[in-house]
C-alpha atoms as a PDB file:
ATOM      1  CA  MET A   1      11.148 -28.673 -15.511  1.00  0.00           C
ATOM      2  CA  ARG A   2       9.789 -28.129 -18.950  1.00  0.00           C
ATOM      3  CA  ALA A   3       7.739 -25.085 -17.897  1.00  0.00           C
ATOM      4  CA  ARG A   4      10.716 -23.610 -16.257  1.00  0.00           C
ATOM      5  CA  LEU A   5      12.948 -23.695 -19.526  1.00  0.00           C
ATOM      6  CA  MET A   6      10.193 -22.471 -21.658  1.00  0.00           C
ATOM      7  CA  VAL A   7       9.895 -19.345 -19.177  1.00  0.00           C
ATOM      8  CA  SER A   8      13.714 -18.928 -18.883  1.00  0.00           C
ATOM      9  CA  VAL A   9      13.889 -18.880 -22.823  1.00  0.00           C
ATOM     10  CA  ALA A  10      11.053 -16.140 -23.115  1.00  0.00           C
ATOM     11  CA  VAL A  11      12.555 -14.082 -20.492  1.00  0.00           C
ATOM     12  CA  GLY A  12      16.140 -14.130 -22.166  1.00  0.00           C
ATOM     13  CA  ALA A  13      14.643 -12.687 -25.261  1.00  0.00           C
ATOM     14  CA  ALA A  14      13.018 -10.057 -23.241  1.00  0.00           C
ATOM     15  CA  LEU A  15      16.005  -9.065 -21.623  1.00  0.00           C
ATOM     16  CA  THR A  16      18.090  -9.072 -24.574  1.00  0.00           C
ATOM     17  CA  ALA A  17      15.990  -6.297 -26.130  1.00  0.00           C
ATOM     18  CA  ALA A  18      15.352  -4.582 -22.934  1.00  0.00           C
ATOM     19  CA  CYS A  19      19.135  -4.036 -22.590  1.00  0.00           C
ATOM     20  CA  SER A  20      19.103  -1.485 -25.219  1.00  0.00           C
ATOM     21  CA  GLY A  21      17.001   0.786 -23.237  1.00  0.00           C
ATOM     22  CA  THR A  22      16.766   2.180 -19.364  1.00  0.00           C
ATOM     23  CA  PRO A  23      14.306   3.724 -17.464  1.00  0.00           C
ATOM     24  CA  GLY A  24      15.731   7.343 -18.420  1.00  0.00           C
ATOM     25  CA  ASP A  25      15.904   6.489 -22.041  1.00  0.00           C
ATOM     26  CA  PRO A  26      12.982   8.116 -24.205  1.00  0.00           C
ATOM     27  CA  ALA A  27      13.168   4.855 -26.514  1.00  0.00           C
ATOM     28  CA  ALA A  28      11.752   2.788 -23.451  1.00  0.00           C
ATOM     29  CA  GLY A  29       8.461   4.621 -23.627  1.00  0.00           C
ATOM     30  CA  ASP A  30       6.734   6.950 -21.274  1.00  0.00           C
ATOM     31  CA  SER A  31       6.481   4.720 -18.208  1.00  0.00           C
ATOM     32  CA  GLY A  32      10.250   4.264 -18.384  1.00  0.00           C
ATOM     33  CA  THR A  33       9.975   0.304 -18.898  1.00  0.00           C
ATOM     34  CA  PRO A  34      10.967  -1.472 -22.004  1.00  0.00           C
ATOM     35  CA  SER A  35       8.124  -2.283 -23.938  1.00  0.00           C
ATOM     36  CA  SER A  36       9.656  -5.879 -24.430  1.00  0.00           C
ATOM     37  CA  LEU A  37       9.051  -6.529 -21.249  1.00  0.00           C
ATOM     38  CA  PRO A  38       5.667  -8.454 -20.215  1.00  0.00           C
ATOM     39  CA  SER A  39       2.491  -6.311 -19.631  1.00  0.00           C
ATOM     40  CA  ALA A  40       0.717  -6.624 -16.209  1.00  0.00           C
ATOM     41  CA  ALA A  41      -3.128  -6.695 -16.155  1.00  0.00           C
ATOM     42  CA  THR A  42      -4.958  -3.462 -17.246  1.00  0.00           C
ATOM     43  CA  ALA A  43      -7.898  -3.940 -14.287  1.00  0.00           C
ATOM     44  CA  VAL A  44      -8.208  -5.783 -11.117  1.00  0.00           C
ATOM     45  CA  PRO A  45     -10.190  -9.138 -11.616  1.00  0.00           C
ATOM     46  CA  ASP A  46     -13.437  -8.985 -10.024  1.00  0.00           C
ATOM     47  CA  GLN A  47     -14.073 -10.449  -6.289  1.00  0.00           C
ATOM     48  CA  PRO A  48     -15.623 -13.893  -5.943  1.00  0.00           C
ATOM     49  CA  PRO A  49     -18.332 -14.073  -3.248  1.00  0.00           C
ATOM     50  CA  LEU A  50     -15.989 -14.155  -0.159  1.00  0.00           C
ATOM     51  CA  ARG A  51     -17.422 -15.122   3.536  1.00  0.00           C
ATOM     52  CA  LEU A  52     -16.096 -13.113   6.477  1.00  0.00           C
ATOM     53  CA  PRO A  53     -16.007 -14.262  10.083  1.00  0.00           C
ATOM     54  CA  ASP A  54     -17.353 -11.794  12.947  1.00  0.00           C
ATOM     55  CA  LEU A  55     -15.233  -8.980  13.934  1.00  0.00           C
ATOM     56  CA  GLU A  56     -13.584  -9.581  17.463  1.00  0.00           C
ATOM     57  CA  GLU A  57     -13.097  -6.994  19.890  1.00  0.00           C
ATOM     58  CA  LEU A  58      -9.971  -7.866  22.194  1.00  0.00           C
ATOM     59  CA  PRO A  59      -8.400  -6.239  25.011  1.00  0.00           C
ATOM     60  CA  SER A  60      -5.621  -3.915  24.259  1.00  0.00           C
ATOM     61  CA  THR A  61      -3.332  -0.877  25.410  1.00  0.00           C
ATOM     62  CA  SER A  62      -1.397   1.749  23.377  1.00  0.00           C
ATOM     63  CA  LEU A  63       1.694   3.216  23.169  1.00  0.00           C
ATOM     64  CA  LEU A  64       2.661   6.715  21.852  1.00  0.00           C
ATOM     65  CA  VAL A  65       5.042   7.279  18.971  1.00  0.00           C
ATOM     66  CA  HIS A  66       5.179  10.192  17.650  1.00  0.00           C
ATOM     67  CA  GLY A  67       5.942  11.110  13.823  1.00  0.00           C
ATOM     68  CA  ALA A  68       3.235   9.116  11.997  1.00  0.00           C
ATOM     69  CA  PRO A  69       4.427   5.183  13.013  1.00  0.00           C
ATOM     70  CA  ALA A  70       4.199   3.078  10.144  1.00  0.00           C
ATOM     71  CA  ALA A  71       6.568   0.274   9.376  1.00  0.00           C
ATOM     72  CA  LEU A  72       7.442  -2.245  12.166  1.00  0.00           C
ATOM     73  CA  THR A  73       9.786  -5.286  12.100  1.00  0.00           C
ATOM     74  CA  THR A  74      10.842  -7.607  15.017  1.00  0.00           C
ATOM     75  CA  SER A  75      14.034  -9.087  16.843  1.00  0.00           C
ATOM     76  CA  PRO A  76      13.977 -11.452  19.636  1.00  0.00           C
ATOM     77  CA  GLY A  77      11.903  -9.799  22.539  1.00  0.00           C
ATOM     78  CA  THR A  78      11.800  -6.185  20.608  1.00  0.00           C
ATOM     79  CA  LEU A  79       9.448  -4.405  18.417  1.00  0.00           C
ATOM     80  CA  TRP A  80      11.084  -1.756  16.071  1.00  0.00           C
ATOM     81  CA  VAL A  81       8.785   1.068  14.902  1.00  0.00           C
ATOM     82  CA  GLN A  82       9.898   3.479  12.181  1.00  0.00           C
ATOM     83  CA  GLN A  83       8.618   7.174  11.660  1.00  0.00           C
ATOM     84  CA  HIS A  84       7.334   8.058   8.337  1.00  0.00           C
ATOM     85  CA  ARG A  85       7.227  11.968   9.326  1.00  0.00           C
ATOM     86  CA  GLY A  86      10.285  11.738  11.418  1.00  0.00           C
ATOM     87  CA  ASP A  87      13.859  10.687  11.260  1.00  0.00           C
ATOM     88  CA  GLU A  88      13.743   8.596  14.287  1.00  0.00           C
ATOM     89  CA  LEU A  89      13.559   4.513  15.035  1.00  0.00           C
ATOM     90  CA  THR A  90      12.354   3.424  17.982  1.00  0.00           C
ATOM     91  CA  ARG A  91      12.751   0.195  20.330  1.00  0.00           C
ATOM     92  CA  VAL A  92      10.012  -1.256  22.215  1.00  0.00           C
ATOM     93  CA  ASP A  93      10.349  -4.345  25.040  1.00  0.00           C
ATOM     94  CA  ALA A  94       7.871  -6.618  23.581  1.00  0.00           C
ATOM     95  CA  GLU A  95       7.390  -8.204  26.794  1.00  0.00           C
ATOM     96  CA  ARG A  96       6.621  -5.162  29.041  1.00  0.00           C
ATOM     97  CA  GLY A  97       5.142  -3.363  26.382  1.00  0.00           C
ATOM     98  CA  ARG A  98       7.166   0.011  27.083  1.00  0.00           C
ATOM     99  CA  ILE A  99       9.398   1.954  24.854  1.00  0.00           C
ATOM    100  CA  LEU A 100      13.174   1.527  25.535  1.00  0.00           C
ATOM    101  CA  ASP A 101      14.904   4.157  23.610  1.00  0.00           C
ATOM    102  CA  THR A 102      14.669   6.099  20.134  1.00  0.00           C
ATOM    103  CA  VAL A 103      17.478   6.741  17.741  1.00  0.00           C
ATOM    104  CA  ASN A 104      17.672   9.695  14.887  1.00  0.00           C
ATOM    105  CA  VAL A 105      18.719   7.534  11.949  1.00  0.00           C
ATOM    106  CA  GLY A 106      18.842  10.608   9.640  1.00  0.00           C
ATOM    107  CA  ARG A 107      16.405   9.671   7.365  1.00  0.00           C
ATOM    108  CA  LEU A 108      12.712   9.843   6.684  1.00  0.00           C
ATOM    109  CA  GLY A 109      11.063   6.541   7.042  1.00  0.00           C
ATOM    110  CA  CYS A 110       9.381   5.392   3.916  1.00  0.00           C
ATOM    111  CA  GLY A 111      10.482   1.723   3.082  1.00  0.00           C
ATOM    112  CA  ASP A 112      10.137  -1.268   5.023  1.00  0.00           C
ATOM    113  CA  LEU A 113      12.159  -2.340   7.777  1.00  0.00           C
ATOM    114  CA  LEU A 114      14.471  -5.349   7.915  1.00  0.00           C
ATOM    115  CA  TRP A 115      16.143  -7.500  10.877  1.00  0.00           C
ATOM    116  CA  ALA A 116      19.149  -9.034   9.758  1.00  0.00           C
ATOM    117  CA  ALA A 117      22.758  -9.809  11.238  1.00  0.00           C
ATOM    118  CA  GLY A 118      22.162  -8.344  14.395  1.00  0.00           C
ATOM    119  CA  SER A 119      20.998  -4.954  13.007  1.00  0.00           C
ATOM    120  CA  VAL A 120      17.897  -3.036  11.738  1.00  0.00           C
ATOM    121  CA  TRP A 121      18.240  -1.938   8.327  1.00  0.00           C
ATOM    122  CA  GLN A 122      15.873   1.054   7.309  1.00  0.00           C
ATOM    123  CA  THR A 123      15.663   2.629   3.846  1.00  0.00           C
ATOM    124  CA  GLY A 124      15.129   6.076   3.690  1.00  0.00           C
ATOM    125  CA  CYS A 125      12.564   8.060   1.600  1.00  0.00           C
ATOM    126  CA  GLY A 126      12.754   9.442  -1.958  1.00  0.00           C
ATOM    127  CA  MET A 127      13.679  13.052  -0.553  1.00  0.00           C
ATOM    128  CA  THR A 128      15.898  11.593   2.352  1.00  0.00           C
ATOM    129  CA  PRO A 129      17.564   8.491   0.087  1.00  0.00           C
ATOM    130  CA  GLY A 130      19.976   5.761   1.985  1.00  0.00           C
ATOM    131  CA  LEU A 131      20.300   2.791   3.737  1.00  0.00           C
ATOM    132  CA  VAL A 132      20.769   2.794   7.370  1.00  0.00           C
ATOM    133  CA  ARG A 133      22.196   0.243   9.929  1.00  0.00           C
ATOM    134  CA  ILE A 134      21.306   0.255  13.458  1.00  0.00           C
ATOM    135  CA  ASP A 135      22.873  -1.765  15.656  1.00  0.00           C
ATOM    136  CA  GLY A 136      20.484  -4.127  17.725  1.00  0.00           C
ATOM    137  CA  GLU A 137      22.358  -4.002  20.961  1.00  0.00           C
ATOM    138  CA  THR A 138      23.364  -0.286  21.133  1.00  0.00           C
ATOM    139  CA  THR A 139      20.464   1.147  19.199  1.00  0.00           C
ATOM    140  CA  GLU A 140      23.040   3.269  17.550  1.00  0.00           C
ATOM    141  CA  VAL A 141      23.681   3.932  13.899  1.00  0.00           C
ATOM    142  CA  THR A 142      26.800   2.154  12.726  1.00  0.00           C
ATOM    143  CA  ASP A 143      26.516   2.618   8.656  1.00  0.00           C
ATOM    144  CA  THR A 144      24.771   4.778   6.252  1.00  0.00           C
ATOM    145  CA  LEU A 145      24.853   3.934   2.474  1.00  0.00           C
ATOM    146  CA  ASP A 146      23.708   6.409  -0.092  1.00  0.00           C
ATOM    147  CA  LEU A 147      21.346   4.236  -1.815  1.00  0.00           C
ATOM    148  CA  GLY A 148      17.937   5.123  -3.341  1.00  0.00           C
ATOM    149  CA  GLY A 149      15.344   3.036  -3.368  1.00  0.00           C
ATOM    150  CA  LEU A 150      12.834   1.444  -0.791  1.00  0.00           C
ATOM    151  CA  GLY A 151      13.189  -2.100   0.928  1.00  0.00           C
ATOM    152  CA  ALA A 152      16.363  -4.667   1.834  1.00  0.00           C
ATOM    153  CA  ALA A 153      16.579  -8.159   1.943  1.00  0.00           C
ATOM    154  CA  TYR A 154      19.329 -10.512   3.432  1.00  0.00           C
ATOM    155  CA  LEU A 155      20.750 -13.790   2.071  1.00  0.00           C
ATOM    156  CA  ASP A 156      23.722 -15.567   3.068  1.00  0.00           C
ATOM    157  CA  GLY A 157      25.597 -12.894   4.920  1.00  0.00           C
ATOM    158  CA  GLU A 158      24.291 -10.397   2.115  1.00  0.00           C
ATOM    159  CA  ILE A 159      21.935  -7.199   1.905  1.00  0.00           C
ATOM    160  CA  TRP A 160      19.893  -6.701  -1.699  1.00  0.00           C
ATOM    161  CA  SER A 161      18.846  -3.264  -1.918  1.00  0.00           C
ATOM    162  CA  ALA A 162      17.706  -1.210  -5.047  1.00  0.00           C
ATOM    163  CA  ALA A 163      19.618   1.598  -5.685  1.00  0.00           C
ATOM    164  CA  VAL A 164      20.101   4.478  -8.551  1.00  0.00           C
ATOM    165  CA  GLU A 165      22.912   5.263 -10.593  1.00  0.00           C
ATOM    166  CA  GLY A 166      22.120   8.193 -12.503  1.00  0.00           C
ATOM    167  CA  ALA A 167      18.670   7.595 -14.134  1.00  0.00           C
ATOM    168  CA  VAL A 168      19.111   3.703 -13.742  1.00  0.00           C
ATOM    169  CA  ALA A 169      17.631   1.334 -11.182  1.00  0.00           C
ATOM    170  CA  GLU A 170      19.746  -1.464 -10.158  1.00  0.00           C
ATOM    171  CA  LEU A 171      20.362  -3.759  -7.329  1.00  0.00           C
ATOM    172  CA  ARG A 172      23.423  -3.457  -4.817  1.00  0.00           C
ATOM    173  CA  ARG A 173      25.064  -6.404  -3.133  1.00  0.00           C
ATOM    174  CA  ILE A 174      26.154  -5.407   0.318  1.00  0.00           C
ATOM    175  CA  ASP A 175      28.406  -7.504   2.669  1.00  0.00           C
ATOM    176  CA  ALA A 176      26.470  -7.449   5.594  1.00  0.00           C
ATOM    177  CA  ALA A 177      29.522  -7.495   7.683  1.00  0.00           C
ATOM    178  CA  GLN A 178      31.747  -5.045   5.963  1.00  0.00           C
ATOM    179  CA  VAL A 179      28.874  -2.781   4.729  1.00  0.00           C
ATOM    180  CA  ASP A 180      30.527  -1.877   1.753  1.00  0.00           C
ATOM    181  CA  GLU A 181      29.163   0.489  -1.160  1.00  0.00           C
ATOM    182  CA  GLY A 182      27.678  -2.222  -3.070  1.00  0.00           C
ATOM    183  CA  HIS A 183      28.404  -4.643  -5.935  1.00  0.00           C
ATOM    184  CA  PRO A 184      25.815  -3.360  -8.495  1.00  0.00           C
ATOM    185  CA  VAL A 185      23.516  -6.060 -10.344  1.00  0.00           C
ATOM    186  CA  PRO A 186      21.566  -4.774 -13.510  1.00  0.00           C
ATOM    187  CA  VAL A 187      17.600  -5.404 -13.564  1.00  0.00           C
ATOM    188  CA  PRO A 188      16.671  -4.182 -17.231  1.00  0.00           C
ATOM    189  CA  GLY A 189      13.757  -2.123 -16.725  1.00  0.00           C
ATOM    190  CA  LEU A 190      13.901  -1.738 -13.234  1.00  0.00           C
ATOM    191  CA  LEU A 191      11.828   1.160 -11.459  1.00  0.00           C
ATOM    192  CA  LEU A 192      12.140   1.882  -8.008  1.00  0.00           C
ATOM    193  CA  ASP A 193       9.619   1.732  -4.898  1.00  0.00           C
ATOM    194  CA  GLY A 194       8.781  -1.900  -5.507  1.00  0.00           C
ATOM    195  CA  GLY A 195      10.886  -3.560  -2.966  1.00  0.00           C
ATOM    196  CA  VAL A 196      13.177  -6.578  -2.675  1.00  0.00           C
ATOM    197  CA  VAL A 197      12.919  -9.648  -0.687  1.00  0.00           C
ATOM    198  CA  THR A 198      14.567 -13.192  -0.825  1.00  0.00           C
ATOM    199  CA  ALA A 199      12.451 -16.587  -1.208  1.00  0.00           C
ATOM    200  CA  ALA A 200      13.541 -20.026  -2.256  1.00  0.00           C
ATOM    201  CA  GLY A 201      17.259 -19.052  -2.954  1.00  0.00           C
ATOM    202  CA  SER A 202      16.559 -16.053  -5.038  1.00  0.00           C
ATOM    203  CA  ILE A 203      16.229 -12.390  -5.134  1.00  0.00           C
ATOM    204  CA  TRP A 204      13.091 -10.834  -5.843  1.00  0.00           C
ATOM    205  CA  VAL A 205      12.407  -7.359  -6.952  1.00  0.00           C
ATOM    206  CA  GLY A 206       8.822  -5.661  -7.364  1.00  0.00           C
ATOM    207  CA  ASP A 207       8.192  -2.930  -9.990  1.00  0.00           C
ATOM    208  CA  GLU A 208       5.384  -0.785  -8.705  1.00  0.00           C
ATOM    209  CA  SER A 209       5.228   1.318 -11.923  1.00  0.00           C
ATOM    210  CA  ALA A 210       4.985  -1.772 -14.071  1.00  0.00           C
ATOM    211  CA  ALA A 211       3.606  -4.332 -12.067  1.00  0.00           C
ATOM    212  CA  LEU A 212       6.159  -6.609 -12.947  1.00  0.00           C
ATOM    213  CA  VAL A 213       8.366  -9.123 -10.303  1.00  0.00           C
ATOM    214  CA  TYR A 214      12.030  -9.783 -11.258  1.00  0.00           C
ATOM    215  CA  GLN A 215      13.507 -12.855 -10.246  1.00  0.00           C
ATOM    216  CA  VAL A 216      17.130 -12.611  -9.939  1.00  0.00           C
ATOM    217  CA  ASP A 217      19.705 -15.608  -9.544  1.00  0.00           C
ATOM    218  CA  PRO A 218      22.269 -14.102  -6.841  1.00  0.00           C
ATOM    219  CA  THR A 219      24.974 -16.835  -7.930  1.00  0.00           C
ATOM    220  CA  ALA A 220      24.701 -16.060 -11.668  1.00  0.00           C
ATOM    221  CA  GLU A 221      23.650 -12.163 -10.759  1.00  0.00           C
ATOM    222  CA  GLU A 222      21.505 -12.010 -13.457  1.00  0.00           C
ATOM    223  CA  VAL A 223      17.727 -11.905 -14.169  1.00  0.00           C
ATOM    224  CA  VAL A 224      15.978 -15.373 -14.796  1.00  0.00           C
ATOM    225  CA  ALA A 225      12.334 -14.086 -14.945  1.00  0.00           C
ATOM    226  CA  VAL A 226      10.384 -11.467 -15.531  1.00  0.00           C
ATOM    227  CA  ILE A 227       6.718 -12.088 -14.172  1.00  0.00           C
ATOM    228  CA  PRO A 228       3.858  -9.681 -15.179  1.00  0.00           C
ATOM    229  CA  MET A 229       1.352  -9.241 -12.266  1.00  0.00           C
ATOM    230  CA  PRO A 230      -2.564 -10.181 -12.719  1.00  0.00           C
ATOM    231  CA  VAL A 231      -3.341  -6.545 -11.567  1.00  0.00           C
ATOM    232  CA  PRO A 232      -2.554  -3.239 -12.893  1.00  0.00           C
ATOM    233  CA  PRO A 233       0.357  -0.992 -11.879  1.00  0.00           C
ATOM    234  CA  ASP A 234      -0.358   0.929  -8.646  1.00  0.00           C
ATOM    235  CA  LYS A 235       1.265   0.525  -5.271  1.00  0.00           C
ATOM    236  CA  GLY A 236       2.459  -2.946  -5.620  1.00  0.00           C
ATOM    237  CA  ASN A 237       5.446  -3.973  -3.074  1.00  0.00           C
ATOM    238  CA  MET A 238       7.074  -7.696  -1.889  1.00  0.00           C
ATOM    239  CA  ILE A 239       7.021  -9.860   1.032  1.00  0.00           C
ATOM    240  CA  GLU A 240       8.330 -13.223   1.905  1.00  0.00           C
ATOM    241  CA  HIS A 241       5.849 -15.569   2.980  1.00  0.00           C
ATOM    242  CA  ASP A 242       5.168 -19.289   3.137  1.00  0.00           C
ATOM    243  CA  GLY A 243       8.408 -19.988   1.100  1.00  0.00           C
ATOM    244  CA  ALA A 244       7.652 -17.818  -1.951  1.00  0.00           C
ATOM    245  CA  ALA A 245       7.505 -13.923  -3.030  1.00  0.00           C
ATOM    246  CA  TRP A 246       4.274 -11.944  -2.269  1.00  0.00           C
ATOM    247  CA  TYR A 247       3.321  -8.949  -4.602  1.00  0.00           C
ATOM    248  CA  VAL A 248       0.977  -7.028  -2.078  1.00  0.00           C
ATOM    249  CA  ASP A 249      -0.859  -3.864  -3.240  1.00  0.00           C
ATOM    250  CA  MET A 250      -2.536  -2.295  -0.293  1.00  0.00           C
ATOM    251  CA  SER A 251      -4.155   0.296  -2.362  1.00  0.00           C
ATOM    252  CA  LEU A 252      -5.822  -2.354  -4.769  1.00  0.00           C
ATOM    253  CA  GLY A 253      -6.421  -4.454  -1.790  1.00  0.00           C
ATOM    254  CA  VAL A 254      -4.793  -7.333  -3.750  1.00  0.00           C
ATOM    255  CA  LEU A 255      -2.372 -10.220  -2.651  1.00  0.00           C
ATOM    256  CA  VAL A 256      -0.340 -12.112  -5.263  1.00  0.00           C
ATOM    257  CA  ARG A 257       1.732 -15.490  -4.835  1.00  0.00           C
ATOM    258  CA  VAL A 258       4.743 -15.997  -7.354  1.00  0.00           C
ATOM    259  CA  ASP A 259       5.479 -19.348  -7.407  1.00  0.00           C
ATOM    260  CA  PRO A 260       9.249 -19.648  -7.082  1.00  0.00           C
ATOM    261  CA  LEU A 261       9.560 -22.702  -9.384  1.00  0.00           C
ATOM    262  CA  ASP A 262       7.663 -21.738 -12.452  1.00  0.00           C
ATOM    263  CA  GLY A 263       6.877 -18.332 -11.687  1.00  0.00           C
ATOM    264  CA  SER A 264       3.107 -18.693 -12.036  1.00  0.00           C
ATOM    265  CA  THR A 265       1.175 -16.387 -10.257  1.00  0.00           C
ATOM    266  CA  ARG A 266      -2.097 -16.945  -7.918  1.00  0.00           C
ATOM    267  CA  LEU A 267      -4.224 -13.730  -7.241  1.00  0.00           C
ATOM    268  CA  LEU A 268      -6.255 -14.475  -4.023  1.00  0.00           C
ATOM    269  CA  LYS A 269     -10.042 -13.939  -3.941  1.00  0.00           C
ATOM    270  CA  VAL A 270      -9.445 -12.330  -0.524  1.00  0.00           C
ATOM    271  CA  ARG A 271      -9.497  -8.278  -1.200  1.00  0.00           C
ATOM    272  CA  LEU A 272      -8.740  -5.790   1.433  1.00  0.00           C
ATOM    273  CA  GLU A 273     -10.090  -2.730   2.081  1.00  0.00           C
ATOM    274  CA  ARG A 274      -7.807  -0.011   1.076  1.00  0.00           C
ATOM    275  CA  PRO A 275      -6.513   2.163   4.155  1.00  0.00           C
ATOM    276  CA  SER A 276      -7.115   6.108   3.890  1.00  0.00           C
ATOM    277  CA  GLU A 277      -3.653   7.522   4.716  1.00  0.00           C
ATOM    278  CA  TYR A 278      -1.086   4.903   4.982  1.00  0.00           C
ATOM    279  CA  ARG A 279      -0.935   2.395   1.936  1.00  0.00           C
ATOM    280  CA  GLY A 280       2.748   1.012   2.530  1.00  0.00           C
ATOM    281  CA  LEU A 281       3.334  -2.475   3.269  1.00  0.00           C
ATOM    282  CA  ALA A 282       1.224  -3.706   5.879  1.00  0.00           C
ATOM    283  CA  ALA A 283       1.493  -7.528   5.813  1.00  0.00           C
ATOM    284  CA  SER A 284       3.419 -10.214   7.928  1.00  0.00           C
ATOM    285  CA  THR A 285       3.564 -13.900   8.426  1.00  0.00           C
ATOM    286  CA  ALA A 286       1.676 -14.931  11.771  1.00  0.00           C
ATOM    287  CA  LEU A 287       3.180 -17.469  13.956  1.00  0.00           C
ATOM    288  CA  GLY A 288       1.750 -21.093  14.155  1.00  0.00           C
ATOM    289  CA  ALA A 289       0.392 -23.089  11.313  1.00  0.00           C
ATOM    290  CA  PRO A 290       1.959 -22.131   7.795  1.00  0.00           C
ATOM    291  CA  GLY A 291      -0.048 -20.114   5.267  1.00  0.00           C
ATOM    292  CA  ARG A 292      -1.271 -17.563   7.819  1.00  0.00           C
ATOM    293  CA  LEU A 293      -0.728 -14.239   7.325  1.00  0.00           C
ATOM    294  CA  TRP A 294      -1.532 -10.769   9.059  1.00  0.00           C
ATOM    295  CA  VAL A 295      -2.655  -7.928   6.953  1.00  0.00           C
ATOM    296  CA  ARG A 296      -4.278  -4.488   7.529  1.00  0.00           C
ATOM    297  CA  SER A 297      -7.552  -3.998   5.615  1.00  0.00           C
ATOM    298  CA  GLY A 298      -8.905  -0.387   5.888  1.00  0.00           C
ATOM    299  CA  ASP A 299      -8.440   1.720   8.924  1.00  0.00           C
ATOM    300  CA  GLU A 300     -10.297  -0.332  11.428  1.00  0.00           C
ATOM    301  CA  GLU A 301      -9.497  -3.774  10.849  1.00  0.00           C
ATOM    302  CA  VAL A 302      -6.546  -6.345  10.482  1.00  0.00           C
ATOM    303  CA  TRP A 303      -7.244  -9.845   9.141  1.00  0.00           C
ATOM    304  CA  LEU A 304      -5.536 -13.221   9.379  1.00  0.00           C
ATOM    305  CA  VAL A 305      -5.720 -14.882   6.147  1.00  0.00           C
ATOM    306  CA  ASP A 306      -5.273 -18.582   5.280  1.00  0.00           C
ATOM    307  CA  THR A 307      -3.343 -18.062   2.174  1.00  0.00           C
ATOM    308  CA  ARG A 308      -2.924 -21.478   1.279  1.00  0.00           C
ATOM    309  CA  HIS A 309      -6.763 -21.990   1.375  1.00  0.00           C
ATOM    310  CA  ASP A 310      -7.579 -18.363   0.081  1.00  0.00           C
ATOM    311  CA  ARG A 311      -9.892 -17.532   3.333  1.00  0.00           C
ATOM    312  CA  VAL A 312     -10.088 -15.095   5.996  1.00  0.00           C
ATOM    313  CA  LEU A 313      -9.855 -16.864   9.262  1.00  0.00           C
ATOM    314  CA  ARG A 314     -10.256 -14.164  11.972  1.00  0.00           C
ATOM    315  CA  ARG A 315     -10.880 -10.265  11.823  1.00  0.00           C
ATOM    316  CA  ILE A 316      -9.503  -7.973  14.499  1.00  0.00           C
ATOM    317  CA  ALA A 317     -10.737  -4.701  15.444  1.00  0.00           C
ATOM    318  CA  VAL A 318      -7.968  -2.152  15.530  1.00  0.00           C
ATOM    319  CA  LEU A 319      -7.826   1.666  16.430  1.00  0.00           C
ATOM    320  CA  ASP A 320      -9.174   3.921  13.379  1.00  0.00           C
ATOM    321  CA  GLY A 321      -5.612   5.308  12.842  1.00  0.00           C
ATOM    322  CA  GLY A 322      -5.519   5.627   9.002  1.00  0.00           C
ATOM    323  CA  GLY A 323      -4.028   2.632   8.448  1.00  0.00           C
ATOM    324  CA  GLY A 324      -0.792   0.933   9.807  1.00  0.00           C
ATOM    325  CA  ASP A 325       1.650  -2.136   9.731  1.00  0.00           C
ATOM    326  CA  VAL A 326       1.164  -5.349  11.878  1.00  0.00           C
ATOM    327  CA  GLN A 327       3.500  -7.519  13.354  1.00  0.00           C
ATOM    328  CA  GLN A 328       3.033 -10.709  15.773  1.00  0.00           C
ATOM    329  CA  ILE A 329       5.258 -11.393  18.887  1.00  0.00           C
ATOM    330  CA  GLY A 330       4.435 -14.447  20.905  1.00  0.00           C
ATOM    331  CA  ASP A 331       0.655 -14.121  22.038  1.00  0.00           C
ATOM    332  CA  THR A 332       0.630 -10.527  21.096  1.00  0.00           C
ATOM    333  CA  LEU A 333      -0.312  -8.566  17.906  1.00  0.00           C
ATOM    334  CA  TRP A 334       1.204  -4.974  17.467  1.00  0.00           C
ATOM    335  CA  VAL A 335      -0.421  -2.613  15.004  1.00  0.00           C
ATOM    336  CA  SER A 336       0.959   0.849  13.953  1.00  0.00           C
ATOM    337  CA  SER A 337      -1.954   3.717  13.697  1.00  0.00           C
ATOM    338  CA  PHE A 338      -0.393   6.064  11.239  1.00  0.00           C
ATOM    339  CA  ALA A 339      -2.860   9.182  11.984  1.00  0.00           C
ATOM    340  CA  THR A 340      -3.103   8.979  15.576  1.00  0.00           C
ATOM    341  CA  ASP A 341       0.502   8.253  16.554  1.00  0.00           C
ATOM    342  CA  GLU A 342      -0.004   5.321  18.408  1.00  0.00           C
ATOM    343  CA  VAL A 343       0.955   1.650  18.467  1.00  0.00           C
ATOM    344  CA  GLN A 344      -1.578  -0.745  19.496  1.00  0.00           C
ATOM    345  CA  ARG A 345      -0.849  -3.691  21.793  1.00  0.00           C
ATOM    346  CA  ILE A 346      -3.468  -6.534  21.443  1.00  0.00           C
ATOM    347  CA  SER A 347      -3.899  -9.532  23.646  1.00  0.00           C
ATOM    348  CA  LEU A 348      -4.512 -12.556  21.300  1.00  0.00           C
ATOM    349  CA  SER A 349      -4.479 -15.143  24.104  1.00  0.00           C
ATOM    350  CA  ASN A 350      -7.663 -16.635  25.564  1.00  0.00           C
ATOM    351  CA  ASP A 351      -6.515 -16.555  29.074  1.00  0.00           C
END
C-alpha cells in the first residue's frame, strides 16, 4: 500500500500542473504533452539473448476479404473482420470457415474492434472518425457517435472511448444500452490514438505520442496514475491480457506489462519483428493456460508468447501478407493478411 500512496502523490502533483495546459496549448510544448508529466525512455533497451522454437508449418485455408483486412475480434462462433481501406465489416462463420455477410459501417477501419453487450463496436480513422455499433445478430448498424479516437473498452455496462473536443482529447463514458453522446472524463495531457482498455477495475488509456499510460478510476472519474513506458514514443497501443493492461508497440516490437496494483512496468525480453505494412494492434490472449499471448511477428510468422515467463513457446508460419491481426477460436487460429486481402484459417489441432 505504501508504494501505491507514493505513486498517487506524485501523480497528483503532476496533474495539478498539467491541468493548466492542453494538447492544443503552445505552453504545453511542441509534443502537445505538458512538460510536468513523466517522460518515457528515449531508446529501446538492448534485447537479451532469446532462444526461439522451430517454425511450424500447419494446415490452413484462406478466405478472400477485400479492402485490406486488419483488426479482428470474436463473438461466440463468429469472427469479425475489419477493412482498413474500405468501410465494410465482414462476419465469418468460424466453424464452417465461410463468410456469412458484410455490412457498410460508413467509416474506414483503423481502430481495434470490440465485442461487448451483444454488439461489435468499431472506431474509425482520423479522416472518418466515429464510434459505430453493429448488432451481433442482424449485422446492422444501430448507432453511430461522432467521436474521434482509436479503440474502445467495456466495463459494467458502459463503453469507454477517446474523443476530441476542439483541440482537447478526452475520454467519453457511454451507456452501452442507450448509446448516448457520452459523459466527458478529462485526461490531462492525453493525445489520441493510443487505445483504451479495462483491467483490474480501472480504465487504461494509452498515449502513443508520449509513450504514457493513464490509469483512470471509473468511480471517481479521474486519473490516478500517469505511467511512463520504458520505451520511446512510436506506435504504441493498449491490450488487456492476463488481468493487466499491456502497452504494445508493433513498430518497435515491444510488449510492456503495466502492473495494476503499483503501476510498475515490465518490458519483456521477447522482441518482435516489425511488419512491413500493417503495424496496428496485432496481439490477443490465447485460449488455455493463463499468460499465453498470440502476437504477430513480421510478415510471415505468429508467435505464442508465455508472458509470465518471458519466452516464445511456438512460432507458426503464416501468409506473407504485410502483417495483420490474430485471434484464436477453439483449435483454430485466424490471421489477417493486410496486403493480400486474405484471412487465414490455421488448424492448431494435432488430429
